[in-house]
Amino acid sequence: MKKILIAAALTASTGLVQAADYKLDPTHSFINFKTGHLGVSWLQGRFNDISGNFSWDADKPNDAMIDITINTASVDSNHAERDKHLRSDDFLDVEKYPTASFKSTGFDGKTLSGDLTLHGVTKPISFEVSKVGEGKDPWGGYRAGFVGTYDLKRSEFGIDKNLGPAAEVIKLELNVEGIRK
């Protein structure tokens, strides 16, 4: 009987140290962007349709992983004609490249590394990530949220439309909230 209790305790404790899997909550996860407009202000927007999963264990942050897919046609800069232009082959070319994605390859507890695929180009990138929080939600689930930022150079992903030097870098902010599966 004592061996059974020890085995049960070991099994239970092993379950506690495994990473939890989360599904992105698309209504509380955002990919926002901003880029310079003529050197006098910011053009801001976001992608309205993202999906994905991540794994997270606070005791083993280096085992974290994330896999996100972005519907590029969901770009929204709060101006229909500009969004139409952003979807064109001058920029996102959504007919040829309907999705962008990020798949992590490593996390050191602070810096997330992975492969970003955008406009048909895949490049390894790294950026700082911090946990916003985690805990029970009012519906009986458990959630975790993270934020990270990355400065993307359009030309590195084959988006070469010349809008002047103020618009070469696009500042991305990734806000993800996941619901534990």
N, C-alpha and C. Protein backbone atom coordinates (compact mmCIF):
# COMPACT_ATOMS: atom_id res chain seq x y z
N MET A 1 0.82 -1.19 0.00
CA MET A 1 0.00 0.00 0.00
C MET A 1 0.87 1.26 0.00
N LYS A 2 1.95 1.24 0.78
CA LYS A 2 2.85 2.38 0.86
C LYS A 2 3.46 2.67 -0.51
N LYS A 3 3.82 1.62 -1.29
CA LYS A 3 4.40 1.81 -2.63
C LYS A 3 3.39 2.45 -3.57
N ILE A 4 2.14 2.09 -3.45
CA ILE A 4 1.09 2.67 -4.30
C ILE A 4 0.94 4.15 -4.00
N LEU A 5 0.96 4.52 -2.71
CA LEU A 5 0.83 5.93 -2.34
C LEU A 5 2.03 6.75 -2.83
N ILE A 6 3.22 6.18 -2.73
CA ILE A 6 4.42 6.87 -3.21
C ILE A 6 4.34 7.05 -4.72
N ALA A 7 3.94 6.01 -5.44
CA ALA A 7 3.81 6.09 -6.90
C ALA A 7 2.76 7.14 -7.28
N ALA A 8 1.66 7.17 -6.57
CA ALA A 8 0.61 8.15 -6.85
C ALA A 8 1.11 9.57 -6.58
N ALA A 9 1.86 9.74 -5.50
CA ALA A 9 2.39 11.07 -5.17
C ALA A 9 3.39 11.52 -6.23
N LEU A 10 4.26 10.60 -6.69
CA LEU A 10 5.22 10.95 -7.74
C LEU A 10 4.50 11.28 -9.04
N THR A 11 3.48 10.54 -9.39
CA THR A 11 2.72 10.82 -10.60
C THR A 11 2.05 12.17 -10.51
N ALA A 12 1.46 12.48 -9.37
CA ALA A 12 0.78 13.76 -9.19
C ALA A 12 1.78 14.91 -9.24
N SER A 13 2.94 14.75 -8.60
CA SER A 13 3.91 15.84 -8.61
C SER A 13 4.52 16.01 -9.99
N THR A 14 4.68 14.92 -10.75
CA THR A 14 5.19 15.03 -12.11
C THR A 14 4.23 15.85 -12.95
N GLY A 15 2.95 15.67 -12.77
CA GLY A 15 1.95 16.43 -13.51
C GLY A 15 2.03 17.91 -13.21
N LEU A 16 2.46 18.26 -12.01
CA LEU A 16 2.52 19.67 -11.63
C LEU A 16 3.67 20.40 -12.31
N VAL A 17 4.73 19.70 -12.67
CA VAL A 17 5.88 20.38 -13.25
C VAL A 17 5.85 20.39 -14.77
N GLN A 18 4.88 19.76 -15.37
CA GLN A 18 4.79 19.79 -16.82
C GLN A 18 4.19 21.10 -17.26
N ALA A 19 4.63 21.55 -18.42
CA ALA A 19 4.10 22.79 -18.96
C ALA A 19 2.62 22.64 -19.28
N ALA A 20 1.86 23.69 -19.04
CA ALA A 20 0.45 23.71 -19.39
C ALA A 20 0.31 24.21 -20.82
N ASP A 21 -0.63 23.64 -21.54
CA ASP A 21 -0.90 24.06 -22.90
C ASP A 21 -2.06 25.04 -22.90
N TYR A 22 -1.92 26.09 -23.69
CA TYR A 22 -2.91 27.15 -23.78
C TYR A 22 -3.31 27.37 -25.24
N LYS A 23 -4.57 27.70 -25.45
CA LYS A 23 -5.04 28.12 -26.76
C LYS A 23 -5.21 29.64 -26.71
N LEU A 24 -4.71 30.34 -27.72
CA LEU A 24 -4.85 31.79 -27.75
C LEU A 24 -6.32 32.18 -27.73
N ASP A 25 -6.64 33.14 -26.91
CA ASP A 25 -7.98 33.72 -26.90
C ASP A 25 -7.95 34.85 -27.93
N PRO A 26 -8.58 34.64 -29.10
CA PRO A 26 -8.47 35.64 -30.17
C PRO A 26 -9.14 36.97 -29.85
N THR A 27 -10.03 37.00 -28.87
CA THR A 27 -10.68 38.27 -28.51
C THR A 27 -9.87 39.05 -27.47
N HIS A 28 -8.82 38.44 -26.93
CA HIS A 28 -7.97 39.11 -25.96
C HIS A 28 -6.49 39.01 -26.32
N SER A 29 -6.20 38.69 -27.58
CA SER A 29 -4.83 38.64 -28.07
C SER A 29 -4.73 39.60 -29.26
N PHE A 30 -3.64 40.34 -29.30
CA PHE A 30 -3.51 41.38 -30.33
C PHE A 30 -2.10 41.43 -30.88
N ILE A 31 -2.01 41.71 -32.16
CA ILE A 31 -0.74 42.07 -32.76
C ILE A 31 -0.94 43.48 -33.30
N ASN A 32 -0.35 44.42 -32.60
CA ASN A 32 -0.44 45.83 -32.96
C ASN A 32 0.83 46.24 -33.67
N PHE A 33 0.74 47.27 -34.51
CA PHE A 33 1.92 47.77 -35.19
C PHE A 33 1.84 49.29 -35.29
N LYS A 34 3.02 49.89 -35.44
CA LYS A 34 3.08 51.30 -35.75
C LYS A 34 4.35 51.56 -36.54
N THR A 35 4.26 52.54 -37.42
CA THR A 35 5.41 52.93 -38.23
C THR A 35 5.33 54.43 -38.44
N GLY A 36 6.47 55.03 -38.72
CA GLY A 36 6.50 56.47 -38.91
C GLY A 36 5.71 56.90 -40.14
N HIS A 37 5.02 58.02 -40.01
CA HIS A 37 4.30 58.60 -41.14
C HIS A 37 4.89 59.97 -41.45
N LEU A 38 5.67 60.02 -42.54
CA LEU A 38 6.29 61.25 -43.03
C LEU A 38 7.21 61.91 -42.01
N GLY A 39 7.61 61.15 -41.01
CA GLY A 39 8.50 61.70 -39.99
C GLY A 39 7.83 62.66 -39.03
N VAL A 40 6.48 62.75 -39.08
CA VAL A 40 5.79 63.70 -38.21
C VAL A 40 4.80 63.05 -37.25
N SER A 41 4.44 61.79 -37.50
CA SER A 41 3.50 61.12 -36.61
C SER A 41 3.62 59.61 -36.82
N TRP A 42 2.69 58.87 -36.24
CA TRP A 42 2.68 57.41 -36.34
C TRP A 42 1.45 56.93 -37.10
N LEU A 43 1.64 55.94 -37.93
CA LEU A 43 0.53 55.18 -38.50
C LEU A 43 0.41 53.94 -37.62
N GLN A 44 -0.77 53.70 -37.08
CA GLN A 44 -0.96 52.57 -36.19
C GLN A 44 -2.03 51.64 -36.72
N GLY A 45 -1.93 50.38 -36.33
CA GLY A 45 -2.94 49.42 -36.72
C GLY A 45 -2.76 48.12 -35.98
N ARG A 46 -3.50 47.12 -36.45
CA ARG A 46 -3.42 45.80 -35.83
C ARG A 46 -3.92 44.75 -36.80
N PHE A 47 -3.73 43.50 -36.43
CA PHE A 47 -4.29 42.38 -37.17
C PHE A 47 -5.43 41.83 -36.31
N ASN A 48 -6.61 41.72 -36.91
CA ASN A 48 -7.80 41.33 -36.16
C ASN A 48 -8.02 39.82 -36.08
N ASP A 49 -7.29 39.04 -36.83
CA ASP A 49 -7.53 37.59 -36.87
C ASP A 49 -6.21 36.85 -36.65
N ILE A 50 -6.00 36.42 -35.41
CA ILE A 50 -4.81 35.63 -35.07
C ILE A 50 -5.26 34.39 -34.32
N SER A 51 -4.47 33.35 -34.44
CA SER A 51 -4.77 32.11 -33.73
C SER A 51 -3.46 31.45 -33.34
N GLY A 52 -3.55 30.49 -32.43
CA GLY A 52 -2.34 29.79 -32.05
C GLY A 52 -2.44 29.13 -30.69
N ASN A 53 -1.31 28.62 -30.28
CA ASN A 53 -1.18 27.89 -29.02
C ASN A 53 0.16 28.23 -28.39
N PHE A 54 0.21 28.07 -27.07
CA PHE A 54 1.51 28.16 -26.40
C PHE A 54 1.52 27.23 -25.20
N SER A 55 2.72 26.92 -24.75
CA SER A 55 2.93 26.14 -23.53
C SER A 55 3.70 26.99 -22.55
N TRP A 56 3.35 26.87 -21.27
CA TRP A 56 3.99 27.70 -20.26
C TRP A 56 3.99 26.98 -18.92
N ASP A 57 5.13 26.99 -18.26
CA ASP A 57 5.29 26.47 -16.91
C ASP A 57 6.19 27.46 -16.19
N ALA A 58 5.67 28.15 -15.18
CA ALA A 58 6.42 29.17 -14.46
C ALA A 58 7.69 28.59 -13.82
N ASP A 59 7.66 27.29 -13.47
CA ASP A 59 8.83 26.66 -12.88
C ASP A 59 9.89 26.27 -13.90
N LYS A 60 9.50 26.21 -15.17
CA LYS A 60 10.43 25.85 -16.25
C LYS A 60 10.21 26.78 -17.45
N PRO A 61 10.51 28.06 -17.29
CA PRO A 61 10.24 29.01 -18.38
C PRO A 61 11.00 28.68 -19.67
N ASN A 62 12.16 28.02 -19.55
CA ASN A 62 12.94 27.70 -20.75
C ASN A 62 12.25 26.68 -21.63
N ASP A 63 11.24 25.99 -21.12
CA ASP A 63 10.49 25.01 -21.91
C ASP A 63 9.30 25.63 -22.64
N ALA A 64 9.11 26.94 -22.48
CA ALA A 64 7.96 27.60 -23.11
C ALA A 64 8.08 27.55 -24.63
N MET A 65 6.92 27.51 -25.28
CA MET A 65 6.88 27.57 -26.74
C MET A 65 5.60 28.27 -27.16
N ILE A 66 5.62 28.81 -28.39
CA ILE A 66 4.44 29.46 -28.95
C ILE A 66 4.42 29.26 -30.46
N ASP A 67 3.23 29.16 -31.00
CA ASP A 67 3.01 28.98 -32.43
C ASP A 67 1.79 29.84 -32.79
N ILE A 68 2.01 30.90 -33.57
CA ILE A 68 0.95 31.85 -33.89
C ILE A 68 0.79 31.95 -35.41
N THR A 69 -0.45 32.04 -35.86
CA THR A 69 -0.76 32.28 -37.26
C THR A 69 -1.59 33.55 -37.36
N ILE A 70 -1.23 34.39 -38.32
CA ILE A 70 -1.90 35.68 -38.52
C ILE A 70 -2.54 35.68 -39.90
N ASN A 71 -3.81 36.01 -39.95
CA ASN A 71 -4.49 36.21 -41.22
C ASN A 71 -4.12 37.61 -41.70
N THR A 72 -3.26 37.70 -42.73
CA THR A 72 -2.75 39.01 -43.15
C THR A 72 -3.84 39.93 -43.70
N ALA A 73 -4.92 39.35 -44.24
CA ALA A 73 -6.02 40.17 -44.76
C ALA A 73 -6.78 40.87 -43.65
N SER A 74 -6.53 40.50 -42.39
CA SER A 74 -7.23 41.12 -41.27
C SER A 74 -6.56 42.40 -40.80
N VAL A 75 -5.57 42.90 -41.57
CA VAL A 75 -4.90 44.14 -41.20
C VAL A 75 -5.95 45.26 -41.09
N ASP A 76 -5.81 46.08 -40.05
CA ASP A 76 -6.79 47.13 -39.77
C ASP A 76 -6.06 48.36 -39.27
N SER A 77 -6.04 49.40 -40.11
CA SER A 77 -5.40 50.66 -39.70
C SER A 77 -6.44 51.76 -39.52
N ASN A 78 -7.70 51.38 -39.43
CA ASN A 78 -8.80 52.31 -39.20
C ASN A 78 -9.06 53.21 -40.41
N HIS A 79 -8.71 52.74 -41.61
CA HIS A 79 -8.96 53.49 -42.84
C HIS A 79 -9.07 52.49 -43.99
N ALA A 80 -10.27 52.30 -44.51
CA ALA A 80 -10.55 51.24 -45.49
C ALA A 80 -9.66 51.32 -46.73
N GLU A 81 -9.45 52.49 -47.28
CA GLU A 81 -8.62 52.60 -48.49
C GLU A 81 -7.16 52.28 -48.20
N ARG A 82 -6.67 52.73 -47.06
CA ARG A 82 -5.28 52.40 -46.69
C ARG A 82 -5.15 50.90 -46.46
N ASP A 83 -6.14 50.30 -45.79
CA ASP A 83 -6.10 48.85 -45.55
C ASP A 83 -6.09 48.09 -46.87
N LYS A 84 -6.86 48.54 -47.84
CA LYS A 84 -6.87 47.92 -49.17
C LYS A 84 -5.47 47.99 -49.78
N HIS A 85 -4.80 49.14 -49.62
CA HIS A 85 -3.44 49.29 -50.14
C HIS A 85 -2.46 48.39 -49.37
N LEU A 86 -2.61 48.30 -48.04
CA LEU A 86 -1.73 47.44 -47.25
C LEU A 86 -1.88 45.97 -47.65
N ARG A 87 -3.08 45.57 -48.08
CA ARG A 87 -3.32 44.19 -48.51
C ARG A 87 -2.78 43.93 -49.92
N SER A 88 -2.48 44.95 -50.67
CA SER A 88 -2.04 44.81 -52.07
C SER A 88 -0.62 44.26 -52.15
N ASP A 89 -0.17 44.03 -53.40
CA ASP A 89 1.19 43.51 -53.58
C ASP A 89 2.27 44.55 -53.30
N ASP A 90 1.90 45.81 -53.03
CA ASP A 90 2.88 46.79 -52.57
C ASP A 90 3.38 46.48 -51.17
N PHE A 91 2.53 45.79 -50.39
CA PHE A 91 2.89 45.53 -48.99
C PHE A 91 2.71 44.05 -48.63
N LEU A 92 1.57 43.67 -48.08
CA LEU A 92 1.38 42.31 -47.57
C LEU A 92 1.08 41.28 -48.65
N ASP A 93 0.55 41.70 -49.77
CA ASP A 93 0.21 40.79 -50.88
C ASP A 93 -0.58 39.59 -50.35
N VAL A 94 -1.72 39.89 -49.76
CA VAL A 94 -2.50 38.87 -49.04
C VAL A 94 -3.02 37.74 -49.94
N GLU A 95 -3.19 38.01 -51.23
CA GLU A 95 -3.63 36.92 -52.11
C GLU A 95 -2.52 35.88 -52.26
N LYS A 96 -1.29 36.32 -52.36
CA LYS A 96 -0.16 35.40 -52.50
C LYS A 96 0.29 34.85 -51.15
N TYR A 97 0.20 35.68 -50.10
CA TYR A 97 0.67 35.30 -48.76
C TYR A 97 -0.46 35.54 -47.75
N PRO A 98 -1.45 34.65 -47.69
CA PRO A 98 -2.62 34.89 -46.84
C PRO A 98 -2.35 34.80 -45.34
N THR A 99 -1.21 34.21 -44.97
CA THR A 99 -0.89 34.13 -43.55
C THR A 99 0.56 34.52 -43.29
N ALA A 100 0.79 34.94 -42.08
CA ALA A 100 2.13 35.12 -41.53
C ALA A 100 2.15 34.24 -40.29
N SER A 101 3.35 33.86 -39.84
CA SER A 101 3.39 32.99 -38.66
C SER A 101 4.67 33.22 -37.86
N PHE A 102 4.59 32.84 -36.60
CA PHE A 102 5.76 32.82 -35.73
C PHE A 102 5.75 31.51 -34.97
N LYS A 103 6.87 30.80 -35.03
CA LYS A 103 7.04 29.54 -34.29
C LYS A 103 8.32 29.67 -33.47
N SER A 104 8.16 29.56 -32.16
CA SER A 104 9.33 29.73 -31.29
C SER A 104 10.28 28.55 -31.42
N THR A 105 11.55 28.86 -31.18
CA THR A 105 12.59 27.84 -31.17
C THR A 105 13.33 27.81 -29.83
N GLY A 106 13.11 28.82 -28.99
CA GLY A 106 13.76 28.84 -27.69
C GLY A 106 13.34 30.03 -26.86
N PHE A 107 13.46 29.89 -25.56
CA PHE A 107 13.12 30.95 -24.62
C PHE A 107 14.05 30.80 -23.43
N ASP A 108 14.72 31.90 -23.05
CA ASP A 108 15.65 31.84 -21.91
C ASP A 108 15.05 32.45 -20.65
N GLY A 109 13.73 32.63 -20.64
CA GLY A 109 13.06 33.24 -19.51
C GLY A 109 12.82 34.72 -19.72
N LYS A 110 13.49 35.30 -20.71
CA LYS A 110 13.34 36.73 -21.00
C LYS A 110 13.25 36.99 -22.51
N THR A 111 14.09 36.32 -23.28
CA THR A 111 14.14 36.53 -24.73
C THR A 111 13.56 35.31 -25.45
N LEU A 112 12.58 35.58 -26.31
CA LEU A 112 11.95 34.54 -27.11
C LEU A 112 12.58 34.55 -28.49
N SER A 113 13.01 33.40 -28.96
CA SER A 113 13.57 33.26 -30.30
C SER A 113 12.67 32.37 -31.11
N GLY A 114 12.66 32.60 -32.42
CA GLY A 114 11.84 31.76 -33.28
C GLY A 114 11.93 32.20 -34.72
N ASP A 115 11.12 31.56 -35.55
CA ASP A 115 11.09 31.84 -36.97
C ASP A 115 9.83 32.62 -37.32
N LEU A 116 10.03 33.81 -37.86
CA LEU A 116 8.92 34.64 -38.34
C LEU A 116 8.83 34.46 -39.85
N THR A 117 7.65 34.10 -40.33
CA THR A 117 7.40 33.99 -41.76
C THR A 117 6.41 35.09 -42.13
N LEU A 118 6.85 35.96 -43.03
CA LEU A 118 6.05 37.09 -43.49
C LEU A 118 6.37 37.35 -44.94
N HIS A 119 5.36 37.51 -45.77
CA HIS A 119 5.55 37.86 -47.17
C HIS A 119 6.42 36.82 -47.88
N GLY A 120 6.28 35.55 -47.47
CA GLY A 120 7.02 34.46 -48.10
C GLY A 120 8.46 34.32 -47.66
N VAL A 121 8.88 35.10 -46.69
CA VAL A 121 10.26 35.07 -46.19
C VAL A 121 10.23 34.59 -44.75
N THR A 122 11.10 33.62 -44.42
CA THR A 122 11.22 33.14 -43.05
C THR A 122 12.59 33.55 -42.53
N LYS A 123 12.59 34.21 -41.37
CA LYS A 123 13.84 34.66 -40.74
C LYS A 123 13.80 34.35 -39.25
N PRO A 124 14.94 33.99 -38.69
CA PRO A 124 15.01 33.85 -37.23
C PRO A 124 15.03 35.23 -36.58
N ILE A 125 14.23 35.40 -35.55
CA ILE A 125 14.20 36.66 -34.81
C ILE A 125 14.22 36.36 -33.32
N SER A 126 14.52 37.37 -32.53
CA SER A 126 14.48 37.28 -31.07
C SER A 126 13.95 38.58 -30.52
N PHE A 127 13.18 38.50 -29.44
CA PHE A 127 12.66 39.70 -28.82
C PHE A 127 12.34 39.43 -27.35
N GLU A 128 12.32 40.52 -26.60
CA GLU A 128 12.04 40.45 -25.17
C GLU A 128 10.56 40.18 -24.92
N VAL A 129 10.29 39.33 -23.94
CA VAL A 129 8.92 38.98 -23.57
C VAL A 129 8.79 39.08 -22.06
N SER A 130 7.64 39.55 -21.60
CA SER A 130 7.39 39.53 -20.16
C SER A 130 5.98 39.02 -19.90
N LYS A 131 5.84 38.36 -18.78
CA LYS A 131 4.53 37.86 -18.38
C LYS A 131 3.73 39.01 -17.80
N VAL A 132 2.50 39.16 -18.26
CA VAL A 132 1.59 40.17 -17.72
C VAL A 132 0.93 39.62 -16.47
N GLY A 133 0.51 38.36 -16.53
CA GLY A 133 -0.11 37.74 -15.37
C GLY A 133 -0.72 36.40 -15.73
N GLU A 134 -1.18 35.70 -14.70
CA GLU A 134 -1.89 34.45 -14.92
C GLU A 134 -2.79 34.18 -13.72
N GLY A 135 -3.86 33.42 -13.97
CA GLY A 135 -4.77 33.09 -12.88
C GLY A 135 -6.11 32.61 -13.39
N LYS A 136 -6.97 32.30 -12.42
CA LYS A 136 -8.31 31.80 -12.74
C LYS A 136 -9.16 32.93 -13.34
N ASP A 137 -10.04 32.55 -14.27
CA ASP A 137 -10.98 33.52 -14.83
C ASP A 137 -12.37 33.28 -14.23
N PRO A 138 -13.32 34.18 -14.44
CA PRO A 138 -14.65 34.05 -13.83
C PRO A 138 -15.49 32.89 -14.38
N TRP A 139 -15.04 32.23 -15.43
CA TRP A 139 -15.81 31.16 -16.07
C TRP A 139 -15.27 29.77 -15.75
N GLY A 140 -14.37 29.69 -14.78
CA GLY A 140 -13.85 28.40 -14.34
C GLY A 140 -12.59 27.96 -15.08
N GLY A 141 -12.07 28.80 -15.94
CA GLY A 141 -10.85 28.47 -16.67
C GLY A 141 -9.63 29.09 -16.01
N TYR A 142 -8.50 28.92 -16.66
CA TYR A 142 -7.24 29.47 -16.17
C TYR A 142 -6.55 30.13 -17.36
N ARG A 143 -6.05 31.34 -17.18
CA ARG A 143 -5.47 32.11 -18.26
C ARG A 143 -4.07 32.59 -17.91
N ALA A 144 -3.28 32.84 -18.97
CA ALA A 144 -1.96 33.44 -18.82
C ALA A 144 -1.78 34.43 -19.96
N GLY A 145 -1.11 35.54 -19.67
CA GLY A 145 -0.91 36.57 -20.69
C GLY A 145 0.52 37.07 -20.71
N PHE A 146 0.99 37.40 -21.92
CA PHE A 146 2.36 37.84 -22.14
C PHE A 146 2.37 38.99 -23.14
N VAL A 147 3.42 39.79 -23.10
CA VAL A 147 3.62 40.87 -24.05
C VAL A 147 5.07 40.86 -24.52
N GLY A 148 5.25 41.17 -25.79
CA GLY A 148 6.59 41.27 -26.36
C GLY A 148 6.60 42.29 -27.47
N THR A 149 7.76 42.86 -27.75
CA THR A 149 7.88 43.83 -28.83
C THR A 149 9.03 43.45 -29.75
N TYR A 150 8.88 43.84 -31.01
CA TYR A 150 9.91 43.54 -32.01
C TYR A 150 9.90 44.65 -33.06
N ASP A 151 11.08 45.13 -33.43
CA ASP A 151 11.22 46.10 -34.52
C ASP A 151 11.53 45.37 -35.81
N LEU A 152 10.58 45.38 -36.72
CA LEU A 152 10.68 44.65 -37.98
C LEU A 152 11.11 45.61 -39.09
N LYS A 153 12.12 45.24 -39.84
CA LYS A 153 12.52 46.01 -41.02
C LYS A 153 11.82 45.41 -42.23
N ARG A 154 10.95 46.19 -42.85
CA ARG A 154 10.13 45.70 -43.97
C ARG A 154 10.99 45.09 -45.07
N SER A 155 12.09 45.74 -45.41
CA SER A 155 12.92 45.27 -46.53
C SER A 155 13.50 43.89 -46.28
N GLU A 156 13.70 43.50 -45.02
CA GLU A 156 14.23 42.17 -44.72
C GLU A 156 13.23 41.06 -45.04
N PHE A 157 11.97 41.44 -45.24
CA PHE A 157 10.93 40.48 -45.57
C PHE A 157 10.39 40.72 -46.98
N GLY A 158 11.17 41.41 -47.82
CA GLY A 158 10.80 41.60 -49.21
C GLY A 158 9.67 42.59 -49.44
N ILE A 159 9.39 43.43 -48.46
CA ILE A 159 8.37 44.47 -48.63
C ILE A 159 9.14 45.76 -48.90
N ASP A 160 9.30 46.07 -50.18
CA ASP A 160 10.23 47.11 -50.59
C ASP A 160 9.61 48.43 -51.03
N LYS A 161 8.32 48.59 -50.91
CA LYS A 161 7.68 49.85 -51.29
C LYS A 161 8.33 50.98 -50.52
N ASN A 162 8.85 51.97 -51.23
CA ASN A 162 9.59 53.06 -50.60
C ASN A 162 8.60 54.10 -50.05
N LEU A 163 8.56 54.19 -48.75
CA LEU A 163 7.73 55.20 -48.08
C LEU A 163 8.60 56.18 -47.31
N GLY A 164 9.89 56.15 -47.58
CA GLY A 164 10.82 57.02 -46.88
C GLY A 164 11.40 56.33 -45.66
N PRO A 165 12.50 56.86 -45.15
CA PRO A 165 13.20 56.21 -44.04
C PRO A 165 12.39 56.12 -42.75
N ALA A 166 11.44 57.01 -42.54
CA ALA A 166 10.64 56.98 -41.31
C ALA A 166 9.76 55.75 -41.24
N ALA A 167 9.47 55.12 -42.40
CA ALA A 167 8.56 53.98 -42.43
C ALA A 167 9.26 52.65 -42.69
N GLU A 168 10.58 52.63 -42.63
CA GLU A 168 11.29 51.37 -42.88
C GLU A 168 11.09 50.38 -41.74
N VAL A 169 11.04 50.87 -40.52
CA VAL A 169 10.88 49.99 -39.35
C VAL A 169 9.43 50.01 -38.90
N ILE A 170 8.91 48.82 -38.67
CA ILE A 170 7.56 48.67 -38.13
C ILE A 170 7.71 48.11 -36.73
N LYS A 171 7.20 48.82 -35.77
CA LYS A 171 7.27 48.39 -34.38
C LYS A 171 6.07 47.50 -34.09
N LEU A 172 6.34 46.23 -33.78
CA LEU A 172 5.29 45.27 -33.48
C LEU A 172 5.16 45.10 -31.97
N GLU A 173 3.94 44.97 -31.52
CA GLU A 173 3.68 44.63 -30.13
C GLU A 173 2.75 43.43 -30.12
N LEU A 174 3.21 42.35 -29.55
CA LEU A 174 2.45 41.11 -29.48
C LEU A 174 1.91 40.96 -28.06
N ASN A 175 0.59 40.93 -27.95
CA ASN A 175 -0.08 40.71 -26.67
C ASN A 175 -0.87 39.42 -26.79
N VAL A 176 -0.50 38.41 -26.04
CA VAL A 176 -1.21 37.15 -26.12
C VAL A 176 -1.81 36.79 -24.77
N GLU A 177 -3.04 36.28 -24.83
CA GLU A 177 -3.71 35.75 -23.67
C GLU A 177 -4.20 34.37 -24.06
N GLY A 178 -3.85 33.39 -23.27
CA GLY A 178 -4.26 32.02 -23.56
C GLY A 178 -5.13 31.45 -22.48
N ILE A 179 -5.98 30.52 -22.91
CA ILE A 179 -6.84 29.78 -21.99
C ILE A 179 -6.28 28.36 -21.89
N ARG A 180 -5.99 27.95 -20.67
CA ARG A 180 -5.41 26.61 -20.48
C ARG A 180 -6.38 25.56 -20.98
N LYS A 181 -5.82 24.61 -21.74
CA LYS A 181 -6.63 23.53 -22.31
C LYS A 181 -6.96 22.50 -21.26
